[in-house]
Protein backbone atom coordinates (compact mmCIF):
# COMPACT_ATOMS: atom_id res chain seq x y z
CA UNK A 1 -85.50 17.45 -29.23
CA UNK A 2 -88.05 20.03 -28.61
CA UNK A 3 -89.22 22.22 -31.72
CA UNK A 4 -86.71 24.80 -32.91
CA UNK A 5 -87.80 28.59 -32.74
CA UNK A 6 -86.34 31.57 -34.03
CA UNK A 7 -82.91 32.49 -32.66
CA UNK A 8 -82.59 35.67 -30.81
CA UNK A 9 -79.15 36.88 -32.07
CA UNK A 10 -78.94 39.91 -29.78
CA UNK A 11 -75.90 40.19 -28.00
CA UNK A 12 -76.15 39.99 -24.07
CA UNK A 13 -73.71 41.90 -21.95
CA UNK A 14 -72.98 40.87 -18.39
CA UNK A 15 -70.34 41.70 -15.85
CA UNK A 16 -69.55 38.14 -14.41
CA UNK A 17 -68.03 35.28 -16.38
CA UNK A 18 -70.04 32.68 -14.46
CA UNK A 19 -73.26 34.76 -15.43
CA UNK A 20 -72.27 34.57 -19.06
CA UNK A 21 -71.62 31.00 -18.92
CA UNK A 22 -75.06 30.51 -17.14
CA UNK A 23 -76.69 32.49 -20.29
CA UNK A 24 -75.07 30.24 -22.79
CA UNK A 25 -76.15 27.00 -21.00
CA UNK A 26 -80.01 28.54 -20.88
CA UNK A 27 -79.60 29.36 -24.51
CA UNK A 28 -78.60 25.73 -25.30
CA UNK A 29 -81.47 24.35 -23.06
CA UNK A 30 -83.95 26.36 -24.83
CA UNK A 31 -82.74 25.58 -28.38
CA UNK A 32 -81.95 29.43 -28.93
CA UNK A 33 -78.92 28.83 -31.28
CA UNK A 34 -78.18 28.59 -35.07
CA UNK A 35 -77.96 25.10 -36.43
CA UNK A 36 -76.06 25.90 -39.82
CA UNK A 37 -72.74 24.25 -40.82
CA UNK A 38 -70.41 26.70 -39.13
CA UNK A 39 -72.70 28.09 -36.32
CA UNK A 40 -71.74 28.43 -32.89
CA UNK A 41 -72.65 30.31 -29.53
CA UNK A 42 -69.73 32.32 -28.17
CA UNK A 43 -68.57 34.33 -25.25
CA UNK A 44 -66.27 37.42 -25.65
CA UNK A 45 -64.93 40.11 -23.54
CA UNK A 46 -65.10 43.79 -24.62
CA UNK A 47 -62.59 46.14 -23.14
CA UNK A 48 -64.27 49.19 -24.34
CA UNK A 49 -67.14 48.51 -21.93
CA UNK A 50 -65.34 45.88 -19.77
CA UNK A 51 -68.06 43.33 -19.82
CA UNK A 52 -68.45 39.73 -21.05
CA UNK A 53 -70.66 39.19 -24.03
CA UNK A 54 -72.82 36.36 -25.17
CA UNK A 55 -74.00 35.79 -28.73
CA UNK A 56 -75.06 33.33 -31.22
CA UNK A 57 -72.99 33.21 -34.65
CA UNK A 58 -74.08 31.92 -37.94
CA UNK A 59 -70.28 31.56 -39.18
CA UNK A 60 -67.79 30.47 -36.54
CA UNK A 61 -65.08 31.48 -39.11
CA UNK A 62 -65.69 35.09 -38.38
CA UNK A 63 -62.60 36.29 -36.63
CA UNK A 64 -62.66 38.10 -33.15
CA UNK A 65 -59.27 39.96 -32.58
CA UNK A 66 -57.35 37.58 -34.75
CA UNK A 67 -56.21 40.87 -36.80
CA UNK A 68 -55.10 43.17 -34.00
CA UNK A 69 -55.22 46.11 -36.81
CA UNK A 70 -58.97 45.43 -37.43
CA UNK A 71 -60.95 48.54 -36.03
CA UNK A 72 -63.98 46.19 -35.62
CA UNK A 73 -62.41 43.34 -33.55
CA UNK A 74 -59.38 45.37 -31.81
CA UNK A 75 -61.09 45.53 -28.46
CA UNK A 76 -63.01 42.26 -28.42
CA UNK A 77 -61.32 38.92 -27.35
CA UNK A 78 -63.08 35.68 -27.72
CA UNK A 79 -63.07 33.46 -24.83
CA UNK A 80 -65.17 30.51 -25.58
CA UNK A 81 -67.31 29.03 -28.77
CA UNK A 82 -69.35 25.98 -28.77
CA UNK A 83 -69.99 24.45 -32.29
CA UNK A 84 -73.82 24.29 -32.69
CA UNK A 85 -74.54 22.92 -36.03
CA UNK A 86 -77.05 19.94 -36.12
CA UNK A 87 -74.04 17.48 -36.78
CA UNK A 88 -72.15 19.07 -33.94
CA UNK A 89 -74.80 19.63 -31.34
CA UNK A 90 -78.26 18.39 -31.97
CA UNK A 91 -77.22 15.09 -33.24
CA UNK A 92 -74.87 14.41 -30.36
CA UNK A 93 -77.62 15.21 -27.77
CA UNK A 94 -80.01 12.96 -29.64
CA UNK A 95 -77.67 10.05 -29.93
CA UNK A 96 -76.84 10.12 -26.14
CA UNK A 97 -80.49 10.60 -25.15
CA UNK A 98 -81.17 7.38 -27.46
CA UNK A 99 -78.41 5.45 -25.96
CA UNK A 100 -79.42 6.32 -22.34
CA UNK A 101 -83.01 5.20 -23.01
CA UNK A 102 -81.75 1.97 -24.21
CA UNK A 103 -79.62 1.48 -21.11
CA UNK A 104 -81.78 2.91 -18.49
CA UNK A 105 -85.19 1.78 -19.88
CA UNK A 106 -86.94 5.06 -19.33
CA UNK A 107 -90.59 4.96 -18.38
CA UNK A 108 -93.19 6.24 -20.66
CA UNK A 109 -94.73 8.15 -17.95
CA UNK A 110 -91.70 10.19 -17.10
CA UNK A 111 -90.01 10.08 -20.38
CA UNK A 112 -90.36 13.85 -21.38
CA UNK A 113 -89.31 15.08 -17.93
CA UNK A 114 -86.36 12.47 -17.78
CA UNK A 115 -85.06 13.36 -21.46
CA UNK A 116 -85.37 17.21 -20.54
CA UNK A 117 -83.24 16.62 -17.39
CA UNK A 118 -80.64 14.42 -19.20
CA UNK A 119 -80.39 17.07 -22.05
CA UNK A 120 -79.47 19.56 -19.26
CA UNK A 121 -76.95 17.40 -17.80
CA UNK A 122 -75.35 16.78 -21.43
CA UNK A 123 -75.19 20.60 -22.14
CA UNK A 124 -73.82 21.28 -18.76
CA UNK A 125 -70.96 18.83 -19.59
CA UNK A 126 -70.32 20.28 -23.10
CA UNK A 127 -70.08 23.78 -21.68
CA UNK A 128 -67.75 22.95 -18.92
CA UNK A 129 -65.72 20.73 -20.81
CA UNK A 130 -64.80 23.24 -23.47
CA UNK A 131 -61.31 24.55 -23.26
CA UNK A 132 -61.04 28.25 -22.14
CA UNK A 133 -59.15 30.21 -24.96
CA UNK A 134 -58.51 32.86 -22.33
CA UNK A 135 -58.99 33.15 -18.48
CA UNK A 136 -59.21 36.07 -16.20
CA UNK A 137 -55.54 36.96 -16.35
CA UNK A 138 -55.47 36.89 -20.03
CA UNK A 139 -58.39 39.07 -20.14
CA UNK A 140 -56.41 41.33 -17.54
CA UNK A 141 -53.48 41.60 -19.83
CA UNK A 142 -55.89 42.41 -22.82
CA UNK A 143 -57.21 45.30 -20.74
CA UNK A 144 -53.60 46.35 -19.84
CA UNK A 145 -52.29 46.26 -23.36
CA UNK A 146 -48.71 46.54 -22.61
CA UNK A 147 -49.51 49.41 -20.38
CA UNK A 148 -50.72 51.46 -23.03
CA UNK A 149 -54.45 51.44 -22.45
CA UNK A 150 -56.43 54.22 -20.85
CA UNK A 151 -57.49 52.16 -17.78
CA UNK A 152 -53.71 51.46 -17.20
CA UNK A 153 -52.31 54.60 -17.69
CA UNK A 154 -55.06 56.26 -15.66
CA UNK A 155 -54.51 54.22 -12.79
CA UNK A 156 -50.73 54.56 -12.74
CA UNK A 157 -50.82 58.44 -12.98
CA UNK A 158 -53.26 58.39 -10.28
CA UNK A 159 -51.10 56.10 -8.13
CA UNK A 160 -48.04 58.46 -8.81
CA UNK A 161 -49.82 61.62 -7.98
CA UNK A 162 -50.99 60.40 -4.69
CA UNK A 163 -47.48 59.35 -3.79
CA UNK A 164 -45.97 62.64 -4.97
CA UNK A 165 -48.51 64.44 -2.69
CA UNK A 166 -47.60 62.56 0.23
CA UNK A 167 -43.90 61.42 0.28
CA UNK A 168 -44.36 59.69 3.85
CA UNK A 169 -47.42 57.48 2.66
CA UNK A 170 -47.33 53.60 2.86
CA UNK A 171 -46.22 52.15 -0.35
CA UNK A 172 -48.96 51.22 -2.70
CA UNK A 173 -50.88 47.81 -2.20
CA UNK A 174 -52.80 45.50 -4.60
CA UNK A 175 -55.95 46.36 -2.66
CA UNK A 176 -55.62 50.21 -3.45
CA UNK A 177 -54.96 49.49 -7.13
CA UNK A 178 -57.82 47.11 -7.45
CA UNK A 179 -60.08 49.71 -5.78
CA UNK A 180 -58.87 52.24 -8.34
CA UNK A 181 -59.86 49.73 -11.07
CA UNK A 182 -63.17 49.04 -9.48
CA UNK A 183 -64.00 53.01 -9.66
CA UNK A 184 -63.31 52.60 -13.61
CA UNK A 185 -66.07 49.95 -13.73
CA UNK A 186 -63.75 46.99 -14.15
CA UNK A 187 -65.11 43.68 -13.16
CA UNK A 188 -64.00 42.68 -9.86
CA UNK A 189 -62.44 39.17 -11.17
CA UNK A 190 -60.57 41.32 -13.78
CA UNK A 191 -59.49 43.97 -11.40
CA UNK A 192 -57.80 41.39 -9.14
CA UNK A 193 -55.59 40.34 -11.96
CA UNK A 194 -55.01 43.74 -13.35
CA UNK A 195 -54.01 45.03 -10.32
CA UNK A 196 -51.18 42.39 -9.90
CA UNK A 197 -50.07 43.12 -13.54
CA UNK A 198 -49.98 47.01 -13.16
CA UNK A 199 -47.81 46.50 -10.27
CA UNK A 200 -45.60 43.80 -11.28
CA UNK A 201 -45.16 45.44 -14.92
CA UNK A 202 -44.32 48.78 -13.48
CA UNK A 203 -41.86 47.33 -10.95
CA UNK A 204 -39.81 45.71 -13.69
CA UNK A 205 -39.78 48.84 -15.87
CA UNK A 206 -38.64 50.60 -13.03
CA UNK A 207 -35.97 48.21 -11.45
CA UNK A 208 -33.04 50.36 -12.61
CA UNK A 209 -34.47 53.68 -11.29
CA UNK A 210 -37.28 52.28 -8.82
CA UNK A 211 -39.98 54.51 -7.84
CA UNK A 212 -40.76 54.23 -4.08
CA UNK A 213 -44.46 53.85 -4.60
CA UNK A 214 -43.92 50.45 -5.80
CA UNK A 215 -41.89 49.11 -2.83
CA UNK A 216 -44.55 46.43 -2.14
CA UNK A 217 -45.24 45.40 -5.75
CA UNK A 218 -43.41 42.08 -5.63
């Protein structure tokens, strides 16, 4: 393994999930993570800024959104955490490289380069085999917050206002809802799911006394 260096524990904020995954992989390639017993590298989604966050953590037991009444954690949901303690991560990588060296007889001339490439492949497999705790749809439900979030109420009120100004207009489409959400700086992958949730949830609520602007929400 390469020499370890000081971990940059600054939270990195990105718009796309895939970019966040890429940052996690790069930090693991570079050894930019904590190795204490309960350490991890994490991805979370923050609905106050509508963005993904990547950050190393010294203690994996620190909760994120497990207590909905916690002011500190209320607006953040953890999507992924990868244990990075020496036992969980470094020793696994080292053992796999050593096993590969025995089986593949790596040449001395290219050993460093080959080990580096193998390490990257092992890290890629670790990252992509991690079970997602939440997907885009669940992040969208987190943004929706049972219809109580500012983003949901703003969108719904805007749709109603548009219909009431023009009673002959076409029914609201998912694309139109998505455009409204994008104007509120929601990432496109979340906006797609949130648009569906807003239309479906409002339709269910209004089934007894349906509102015409939801005619195409099913």
